[in-house]
Amino acid sequence: MNALYIETVEEFPDTTISLTDGKKYIVLEKSAEVAKKIESFYRSVQLMPQAGGEET
C-alpha cells in the first residue's frame, strides 16, 4: 500500500485505512503503529525531515 494515497486512518474498533481512491482496508496494526510506518516512509523518501535533524 502506498502511504502517499492514505487519506485517513481510524480505529472503530478495527483499524481502517481509507485511500484517496475511496478504497478501505482493515489492518491488524493499531492506528499509532500505522502512523509510525507512514512517518518512516515519508522520512525515507525525504518528504519529512529526519528526527532530530533540521531542514535545509
N, C-alpha and C. Protein backbone atom coordinates (compact mmCIF):
# COMPACT_ATOMS: atom_id res chain seq x y z
N MET A 1 0.85 -1.16 0.00
CA MET A 1 0.00 0.00 0.00
C MET A 1 0.90 1.24 0.00
N ASN A 2 0.61 2.17 -0.86
CA ASN A 2 1.42 3.37 -0.97
C ASN A 2 0.93 4.42 0.04
N ALA A 3 1.79 4.79 0.97
CA ALA A 3 1.42 5.74 2.02
C ALA A 3 0.99 7.09 1.47
N LEU A 4 1.43 7.43 0.28
CA LEU A 4 1.05 8.72 -0.32
C LEU A 4 -0.44 8.80 -0.62
N TYR A 5 -1.10 7.65 -0.76
CA TYR A 5 -2.53 7.63 -1.09
C TYR A 5 -3.43 7.45 0.13
N ILE A 6 -2.84 7.40 1.32
CA ILE A 6 -3.65 7.24 2.53
C ILE A 6 -4.29 8.58 2.87
N GLU A 7 -5.61 8.54 3.00
CA GLU A 7 -6.37 9.74 3.35
C GLU A 7 -6.65 9.79 4.84
N THR A 8 -7.13 8.67 5.41
CA THR A 8 -7.41 8.62 6.85
C THR A 8 -7.04 7.26 7.42
N VAL A 9 -6.74 7.25 8.73
CA VAL A 9 -6.53 6.03 9.49
C VAL A 9 -7.39 6.18 10.74
N GLU A 10 -8.32 5.24 10.92
CA GLU A 10 -9.25 5.34 12.04
C GLU A 10 -9.34 3.99 12.76
N GLU A 11 -9.68 4.04 14.03
CA GLU A 11 -9.95 2.83 14.82
C GLU A 11 -11.39 2.89 15.30
N PHE A 12 -12.18 1.88 14.96
CA PHE A 12 -13.57 1.83 15.44
C PHE A 12 -14.12 0.42 15.42
N PRO A 13 -13.79 -0.53 16.20
CA PRO A 13 -12.56 -0.70 16.94
C PRO A 13 -11.42 -1.20 16.06
N ASP A 14 -11.74 -1.74 14.86
CA ASP A 14 -10.68 -2.19 13.97
C ASP A 14 -10.02 -0.99 13.30
N THR A 15 -8.75 -1.11 12.98
CA THR A 15 -8.04 -0.03 12.29
C THR A 15 -8.39 -0.10 10.81
N THR A 16 -8.93 1.01 10.31
CA THR A 16 -9.35 1.09 8.91
C THR A 16 -8.56 2.20 8.23
N ILE A 17 -7.96 1.85 7.09
CA ILE A 17 -7.21 2.81 6.30
C ILE A 17 -8.04 3.14 5.06
N SER A 18 -8.33 4.42 4.86
CA SER A 18 -9.06 4.87 3.68
C SER A 18 -8.09 5.55 2.73
N LEU A 19 -8.16 5.16 1.46
CA LEU A 19 -7.28 5.73 0.45
C LEU A 19 -8.00 6.83 -0.32
N THR A 20 -7.22 7.62 -1.04
CA THR A 20 -7.79 8.73 -1.80
C THR A 20 -8.71 8.27 -2.92
N ASP A 21 -8.59 7.00 -3.36
CA ASP A 21 -9.47 6.49 -4.41
C ASP A 21 -10.76 5.88 -3.86
N GLY A 22 -10.97 5.99 -2.54
CA GLY A 22 -12.19 5.51 -1.91
C GLY A 22 -12.10 4.09 -1.36
N LYS A 23 -11.03 3.37 -1.66
CA LYS A 23 -10.87 2.01 -1.14
C LYS A 23 -10.56 2.07 0.35
N LYS A 24 -11.03 1.03 1.07
CA LYS A 24 -10.80 0.94 2.51
C LYS A 24 -10.18 -0.42 2.81
N TYR A 25 -9.24 -0.41 3.75
CA TYR A 25 -8.57 -1.63 4.16
C TYR A 25 -8.62 -1.73 5.68
N ILE A 26 -8.94 -2.91 6.18
CA ILE A 26 -8.89 -3.17 7.62
C ILE A 26 -7.57 -3.90 7.87
N VAL A 27 -6.80 -3.39 8.83
CA VAL A 27 -5.47 -3.94 9.11
C VAL A 27 -5.38 -4.38 10.57
N LEU A 28 -4.39 -5.21 10.86
CA LEU A 28 -4.21 -5.73 12.22
C LEU A 28 -3.57 -4.71 13.16
N GLU A 29 -2.73 -3.82 12.63
CA GLU A 29 -1.99 -2.87 13.45
C GLU A 29 -2.93 -1.79 14.01
N LYS A 30 -2.57 -1.27 15.18
CA LYS A 30 -3.29 -0.13 15.76
C LYS A 30 -2.93 1.11 14.96
N SER A 31 -3.76 2.14 15.05
CA SER A 31 -3.54 3.35 14.26
C SER A 31 -2.20 4.02 14.59
N ALA A 32 -1.74 3.93 15.83
CA ALA A 32 -0.45 4.52 16.20
C ALA A 32 0.69 3.84 15.46
N GLU A 33 0.61 2.52 15.31
CA GLU A 33 1.65 1.78 14.57
C GLU A 33 1.61 2.13 13.09
N VAL A 34 0.42 2.26 12.53
CA VAL A 34 0.28 2.67 11.13
C VAL A 34 0.89 4.06 10.94
N ALA A 35 0.61 4.97 11.86
CA ALA A 35 1.16 6.33 11.77
C ALA A 35 2.69 6.31 11.80
N LYS A 36 3.27 5.46 12.65
CA LYS A 36 4.73 5.34 12.71
C LYS A 36 5.30 4.85 11.38
N LYS A 37 4.62 3.88 10.77
CA LYS A 37 5.08 3.33 9.49
C LYS A 37 4.96 4.37 8.38
N ILE A 38 3.89 5.16 8.40
CA ILE A 38 3.71 6.22 7.41
C ILE A 38 4.81 7.26 7.57
N GLU A 39 5.06 7.66 8.81
CA GLU A 39 6.11 8.64 9.08
C GLU A 39 7.47 8.13 8.63
N SER A 40 7.74 6.87 8.90
CA SER A 40 9.01 6.27 8.50
C SER A 40 9.15 6.29 6.97
N PHE A 41 8.07 5.98 6.27
CA PHE A 41 8.09 6.02 4.81
C PHE A 41 8.36 7.44 4.32
N TYR A 42 7.64 8.42 4.87
CA TYR A 42 7.83 9.82 4.44
C TYR A 42 9.27 10.26 4.67
N ARG A 43 9.86 9.85 5.79
CA ARG A 43 11.27 10.20 6.05
C ARG A 43 12.19 9.52 5.04
N SER A 44 11.89 8.27 4.68
CA SER A 44 12.76 7.53 3.76
C SER A 44 12.76 8.13 2.36
N VAL A 45 11.66 8.76 1.97
CA VAL A 45 11.60 9.40 0.65
C VAL A 45 11.78 10.91 0.76
N GLN A 46 12.22 11.34 1.94
CA GLN A 46 12.57 12.73 2.23
C GLN A 46 11.41 13.71 2.05
N LEU A 47 10.20 13.27 2.43
CA LEU A 47 9.05 14.16 2.46
C LEU A 47 8.87 14.78 3.85
N MET A 48 9.64 14.26 4.82
CA MET A 48 9.66 14.78 6.19
C MET A 48 11.12 14.87 6.60
N PRO A 49 11.47 15.85 7.43
CA PRO A 49 12.85 15.91 7.92
C PRO A 49 13.13 14.73 8.84
N GLN A 50 14.38 14.33 8.91
CA GLN A 50 14.77 13.24 9.81
C GLN A 50 14.55 13.68 11.25
N ALA A 51 14.23 12.74 12.12
CA ALA A 51 14.01 13.03 13.53
C ALA A 51 15.27 13.67 14.12
N GLY A 52 15.11 14.79 14.81
CA GLY A 52 16.24 15.46 15.43
C GLY A 52 17.06 16.27 14.47
N GLY A 53 16.78 16.16 13.19
CA GLY A 53 17.54 16.91 12.18
C GLY A 53 16.86 18.23 11.85
N GLU A 54 17.55 19.03 11.11
CA GLU A 54 16.99 20.29 10.68
C GLU A 54 16.78 20.28 9.19
N GLU A 55 15.74 20.98 8.74
CA GLU A 55 15.51 21.10 7.31
C GLU A 55 16.57 22.00 6.69
N THR A 56 16.93 21.70 5.47
CA THR A 56 17.89 22.53 4.77
C THR A 56 17.26 23.20 3.58
